[in-house]
Amino acid sequence: MKKILAVLLVLILTACTLRMGAFAPRRPDIPEHRDLVSADCLECHDLAGRQDHKSDDDCLRCHHLVKGI
């Protein structure tokens, strides 16, 4: 029973690090955001002051396009 709980705990902790950022701001549906690749984000957005972002992060993994707003 203890082994099952340990495995379950590891799976839960791993899944939490791999999933999308739940509180990441969404990209508004504007022409500049529609055809982006991750590298394009750094042309407009400066990450120098952000401790939780690296320059090689995949921005589009967490910051999804929101349509209809």
C-alpha atoms as a PDB file:
ATOM      1  CA  MET A   1       0.000   0.000   0.000  1.00  0.00           C
ATOM      2  CA  LYS A   2       2.829   2.397   0.833  1.00  0.00           C
ATOM      3  CA  LYS A   3       4.514   1.720  -2.506  1.00  0.00           C
ATOM      4  CA  ILE A   4       1.313   2.571  -4.368  1.00  0.00           C
ATOM      5  CA  LEU A   5       0.996   5.864  -2.476  1.00  0.00           C
ATOM      6  CA  ALA A   6       4.630   6.724  -3.177  1.00  0.00           C
ATOM      7  CA  VAL A   7       4.205   6.021  -6.903  1.00  0.00           C
ATOM      8  CA  LEU A   8       0.962   7.983  -6.994  1.00  0.00           C
ATOM      9  CA  LEU A   9       2.599  10.954  -5.267  1.00  0.00           C
ATOM     10  CA  VAL A  10       5.483  10.947  -7.774  1.00  0.00           C
ATOM     11  CA  LEU A  11       3.036  10.802 -10.694  1.00  0.00           C
ATOM     12  CA  ILE A  12       0.988  13.688  -9.323  1.00  0.00           C
ATOM     13  CA  LEU A  13       4.044  15.870  -8.724  1.00  0.00           C
ATOM     14  CA  THR A  14       5.424  15.109 -12.186  1.00  0.00           C
ATOM     15  CA  ALA A  15       2.101  15.774 -13.873  1.00  0.00           C
ATOM     16  CA  CYS A  16       1.849  19.159 -12.164  1.00  0.00           C
ATOM     17  CA  THR A  17       5.180  20.267 -13.615  1.00  0.00           C
ATOM     18  CA  LEU A  18       4.312  19.094 -17.142  1.00  0.00           C
ATOM     19  CA  ARG A  19       0.858  20.588 -17.484  1.00  0.00           C
ATOM     20  CA  MET A  20      -0.064  24.011 -18.778  1.00  0.00           C
ATOM     21  CA  GLY A  21       0.330  26.993 -16.457  1.00  0.00           C
ATOM     22  CA  ALA A  22      -3.170  27.344 -15.019  1.00  0.00           C
ATOM     23  CA  PHE A  23      -2.755  31.003 -14.127  1.00  0.00           C
ATOM     24  CA  ALA A  24      -0.704  32.051 -17.161  1.00  0.00           C
ATOM     25  CA  PRO A  25      -2.190  35.087 -18.900  1.00  0.00           C
ATOM     26  CA  ARG A  26      -3.817  34.242 -22.210  1.00  0.00           C
ATOM     27  CA  ARG A  27      -2.912  35.958 -25.484  1.00  0.00           C
ATOM     28  CA  PRO A  28      -5.703  38.138 -26.862  1.00  0.00           C
ATOM     29  CA  ASP A  29      -6.907  37.308 -30.358  1.00  0.00           C
ATOM     30  CA  ILE A  30      -5.156  40.079 -32.277  1.00  0.00           C
ATOM     31  CA  PRO A  31      -3.329  39.826 -35.641  1.00  0.00           C
ATOM     32  CA  GLU A  32       0.103  39.994 -33.979  1.00  0.00           C
ATOM     33  CA  HIS A  33      -0.652  36.954 -31.826  1.00  0.00           C
ATOM     34  CA  ARG A  34      -2.351  34.689 -34.390  1.00  0.00           C
ATOM     35  CA  ASP A  35       0.676  33.447 -36.358  1.00  0.00           C
ATOM     36  CA  LEU A  36       3.350  33.475 -33.672  1.00  0.00           C
ATOM     37  CA  VAL A  37       6.109  31.040 -32.963  1.00  0.00           C
ATOM     38  CA  SER A  38       7.649  31.097 -29.501  1.00  0.00           C
ATOM     39  CA  ALA A  39      10.752  33.051 -30.534  1.00  0.00           C
ATOM     40  CA  ASP A  40       8.564  35.912 -31.802  1.00  0.00           C
ATOM     41  CA  CYS A  41       7.322  36.680 -28.292  1.00  0.00           C
ATOM     42  CA  LEU A  42      10.684  38.101 -27.242  1.00  0.00           C
ATOM     43  CA  GLU A  43      10.508  40.800 -29.922  1.00  0.00           C
ATOM     44  CA  CYS A  44       7.706  42.561 -27.998  1.00  0.00           C
ATOM     45  CA  HIS A  45       7.956  41.184 -24.463  1.00  0.00           C
ATOM     46  CA  ASP A  46      11.024  41.652 -22.252  1.00  0.00           C
ATOM     47  CA  LEU A  47      11.703  38.816 -19.794  1.00  0.00           C
ATOM     48  CA  ALA A  48      14.632  40.490 -18.031  1.00  0.00           C
ATOM     49  CA  GLY A  49      12.580  41.349 -14.958  1.00  0.00           C
ATOM     50  CA  ARG A  50      10.860  37.946 -14.751  1.00  0.00           C
ATOM     51  CA  GLN A  51      12.476  35.370 -12.471  1.00  0.00           C
ATOM     52  CA  ASP A  52      10.042  32.604 -13.450  1.00  0.00           C
ATOM     53  CA  HIS A  53      10.824  32.784 -17.193  1.00  0.00           C
ATOM     54  CA  LYS A  54      13.963  31.908 -19.118  1.00  0.00           C
ATOM     55  CA  SER A  55      14.893  33.257 -22.524  1.00  0.00           C
ATOM     56  CA  ASP A  56      14.645  29.764 -24.058  1.00  0.00           C
ATOM     57  CA  ASP A  57      11.193  28.935 -22.610  1.00  0.00           C
ATOM     58  CA  ASP A  58       8.385  27.912 -24.956  1.00  0.00           C
ATOM     59  CA  CYS A  59       5.946  30.790 -24.428  1.00  0.00           C
ATOM     60  CA  LEU A  60       3.143  29.155 -26.386  1.00  0.00           C
ATOM     61  CA  ARG A  61       3.084  26.139 -24.060  1.00  0.00           C
ATOM     62  CA  CYS A  62       1.338  28.133 -21.332  1.00  0.00           C
ATOM     63  CA  HIS A  63       0.148  31.338 -23.003  1.00  0.00           C
ATOM     64  CA  HIS A  64      -2.678  30.148 -25.247  1.00  0.00           C
ATOM     65  CA  LEU A  65      -4.639  32.257 -27.725  1.00  0.00           C
ATOM     66  CA  VAL A  66      -8.116  33.174 -26.490  1.00  0.00           C
ATOM     67  CA  LYS A  67     -10.705  33.737 -29.185  1.00  0.00           C
ATOM     68  CA  GLY A  68     -13.998  35.554 -28.784  1.00  0.00           C
ATOM     69  CA  ILE A  69     -12.962  38.117 -26.202  1.00  0.00           C
END
